[in-house]
């Protein structure tokens, strides 16, 4: 999950630095790096969903995934709008500072992520199984 967040941040910084009249030419010359960062950024959503699936009870997993999807989708809609307005108002350097701040916050959060207990991850939760008599 940390790799995906790092690639998201690197991609944001790279795109923020490619402003001005020769910005497109800059990006075109760095396309291999953009491709690698984009592929790495694509690893974050599946890893986050897998982690959520490991740490929540099966009975509330649908609600948890729904909340994750709402938050992620809202960020995908609002983020570019706010990022564009910020870049227009303050320049690309301000956007890069904000991106680095969020990268730091995310990295701090990743440090506190713990693996679920081995017994909990291995024990299937099947509510349809009949109770044991004994």
Protein backbone atom coordinates (compact mmCIF):
# COMPACT_ATOMS: atom_id res chain seq x y z
CA UNK A 1 0.00 0.00 0.00
CA UNK A 2 2.92 2.31 0.73
CA UNK A 3 4.27 1.82 -2.79
CA UNK A 4 0.97 2.90 -4.32
CA UNK A 5 0.81 6.01 -2.15
CA UNK A 6 4.40 6.90 -3.01
CA UNK A 7 3.66 6.53 -6.72
CA UNK A 8 0.49 8.65 -6.40
CA UNK A 9 2.56 11.36 -4.71
CA UNK A 10 5.40 11.15 -7.21
CA UNK A 11 2.99 11.42 -10.09
CA UNK A 12 1.30 14.45 -8.51
CA UNK A 13 4.64 16.20 -7.98
CA UNK A 14 5.82 15.38 -11.50
CA UNK A 15 2.63 16.70 -13.07
CA UNK A 16 2.69 19.81 -10.87
CA UNK A 17 6.22 20.64 -12.00
CA UNK A 18 5.31 20.35 -15.70
CA UNK A 19 3.68 23.76 -16.07
CA UNK A 20 4.46 26.61 -18.38
CA UNK A 21 4.80 26.79 -22.14
CA UNK A 22 7.08 23.74 -22.41
CA UNK A 23 5.17 21.62 -19.89
CA UNK A 24 3.81 19.18 -22.46
CA UNK A 25 7.27 18.66 -23.94
CA UNK A 26 8.61 17.99 -20.44
CA UNK A 27 5.96 15.35 -19.82
CA UNK A 28 6.49 13.76 -23.23
CA UNK A 29 10.19 13.34 -22.49
CA UNK A 30 9.45 11.65 -19.17
CA UNK A 31 6.79 9.21 -20.37
CA UNK A 32 8.57 6.07 -19.07
CA UNK A 33 8.64 7.53 -15.56
CA UNK A 34 4.98 8.54 -15.85
CA UNK A 35 4.07 5.01 -16.97
CA UNK A 36 5.91 3.42 -14.03
CA UNK A 37 4.39 5.85 -11.51
CA UNK A 38 0.90 5.35 -12.94
CA UNK A 39 1.25 1.56 -12.76
CA UNK A 40 2.49 1.84 -9.17
CA UNK A 41 -0.35 4.20 -8.26
CA UNK A 42 -2.76 1.61 -9.63
CA UNK A 43 -1.68 -0.80 -6.90
CA UNK A 44 -3.13 1.36 -4.12
CA UNK A 45 -6.92 0.85 -4.49
CA UNK A 46 -6.79 -2.98 -4.60
CA UNK A 47 -4.38 -3.05 -1.66
CA UNK A 48 -6.60 -0.70 0.37
CA UNK A 49 -9.70 -2.77 -0.37
CA UNK A 50 -7.90 -6.00 0.54
CA UNK A 51 -6.78 -4.45 3.82
CA UNK A 52 -10.32 -3.29 4.58
CA UNK A 53 -11.58 -6.79 3.84
CA UNK A 54 -9.09 -8.19 6.33
CA UNK A 55 -9.84 -5.85 9.22
CA UNK A 56 -13.64 -5.53 9.19
CA UNK A 57 -16.26 -8.08 10.16
CA UNK A 58 -17.94 -9.83 7.25
CA UNK A 59 -21.37 -8.51 8.30
CA UNK A 60 -20.31 -4.88 7.71
CA UNK A 61 -17.93 -5.36 4.79
CA UNK A 62 -20.45 -4.08 2.24
CA UNK A 63 -21.00 -0.89 4.21
CA UNK A 64 -17.26 -0.44 4.67
CA UNK A 65 -16.53 -0.88 0.96
CA UNK A 66 -19.38 1.52 0.13
CA UNK A 67 -17.98 4.21 2.43
CA UNK A 68 -14.51 3.69 0.93
CA UNK A 69 -15.92 4.04 -2.58
CA UNK A 70 -17.81 7.22 -1.69
CA UNK A 71 -14.73 8.83 -0.17
CA UNK A 72 -12.41 7.72 -3.00
CA UNK A 73 -14.86 8.81 -5.70
CA UNK A 74 -15.49 12.17 -4.04
CA UNK A 75 -11.74 12.75 -3.91
CA UNK A 76 -11.43 11.91 -7.60
CA UNK A 77 -14.09 14.49 -8.42
CA UNK A 78 -13.13 17.29 -6.03
CA UNK A 79 -9.33 16.84 -6.11
CA UNK A 80 -8.68 17.98 -9.69
CA UNK A 81 -11.06 20.92 -9.31
CA UNK A 82 -9.39 22.14 -6.12
CA UNK A 83 -5.93 21.34 -7.46
CA UNK A 84 -6.56 23.32 -10.64
CA UNK A 85 -7.94 26.29 -8.71
CA UNK A 86 -4.98 26.18 -6.33
CA UNK A 87 -2.50 26.01 -9.21
CA UNK A 88 -4.19 28.93 -10.99
CA UNK A 89 -4.28 31.04 -7.85
CA UNK A 90 -0.85 30.30 -6.36
CA UNK A 91 1.23 28.57 -9.01
CA UNK A 92 2.53 25.05 -9.26
CA UNK A 93 4.87 25.35 -6.30
CA UNK A 94 1.95 25.74 -3.87
CA UNK A 95 0.34 22.63 -5.36
CA UNK A 96 3.58 20.70 -4.90
CA UNK A 97 3.81 21.79 -1.24
CA UNK A 98 0.22 20.65 -0.60
CA UNK A 99 0.91 17.34 -2.36
CA UNK A 100 4.05 16.78 -0.25
CA UNK A 101 2.03 17.56 2.90
CA UNK A 102 -0.57 14.94 2.00
CA UNK A 103 2.18 12.45 1.12
CA UNK A 104 3.62 12.97 4.60
CA UNK A 105 0.23 12.51 6.24
CA UNK A 106 -0.38 9.33 4.22
CA UNK A 107 3.07 7.95 5.02
CA UNK A 108 2.44 8.53 8.71
CA UNK A 109 -0.85 6.66 8.41
CA UNK A 110 0.84 3.74 6.64
CA UNK A 111 3.31 3.45 9.52
CA UNK A 112 0.43 2.74 11.90
CA UNK A 113 -1.25 0.07 9.75
CA UNK A 114 -0.98 -3.31 11.40
CA UNK A 115 -1.66 -6.74 10.00
CA UNK A 116 -4.78 -8.42 11.38
CA UNK A 117 -4.28 -11.19 13.91
CA UNK A 118 -3.49 -14.51 12.24
CA UNK A 119 -6.44 -16.29 13.82
CA UNK A 120 -8.92 -13.65 12.71
CA UNK A 121 -7.74 -13.56 9.11
CA UNK A 122 -7.79 -17.36 8.82
CA UNK A 123 -11.13 -17.97 10.54
CA UNK A 124 -13.99 -17.84 8.05
CA UNK A 125 -17.11 -16.08 9.23
CA UNK A 126 -20.04 -18.10 7.92
CA UNK A 127 -23.33 -16.94 9.41
CA UNK A 128 -25.28 -19.58 7.46
CA UNK A 129 -23.56 -22.52 9.21
CA UNK A 130 -25.73 -24.36 11.71
CA UNK A 131 -24.76 -24.06 15.36
CA UNK A 132 -22.71 -26.90 16.78
CA UNK A 133 -24.40 -29.18 19.31
CA UNK A 134 -22.19 -30.19 22.08
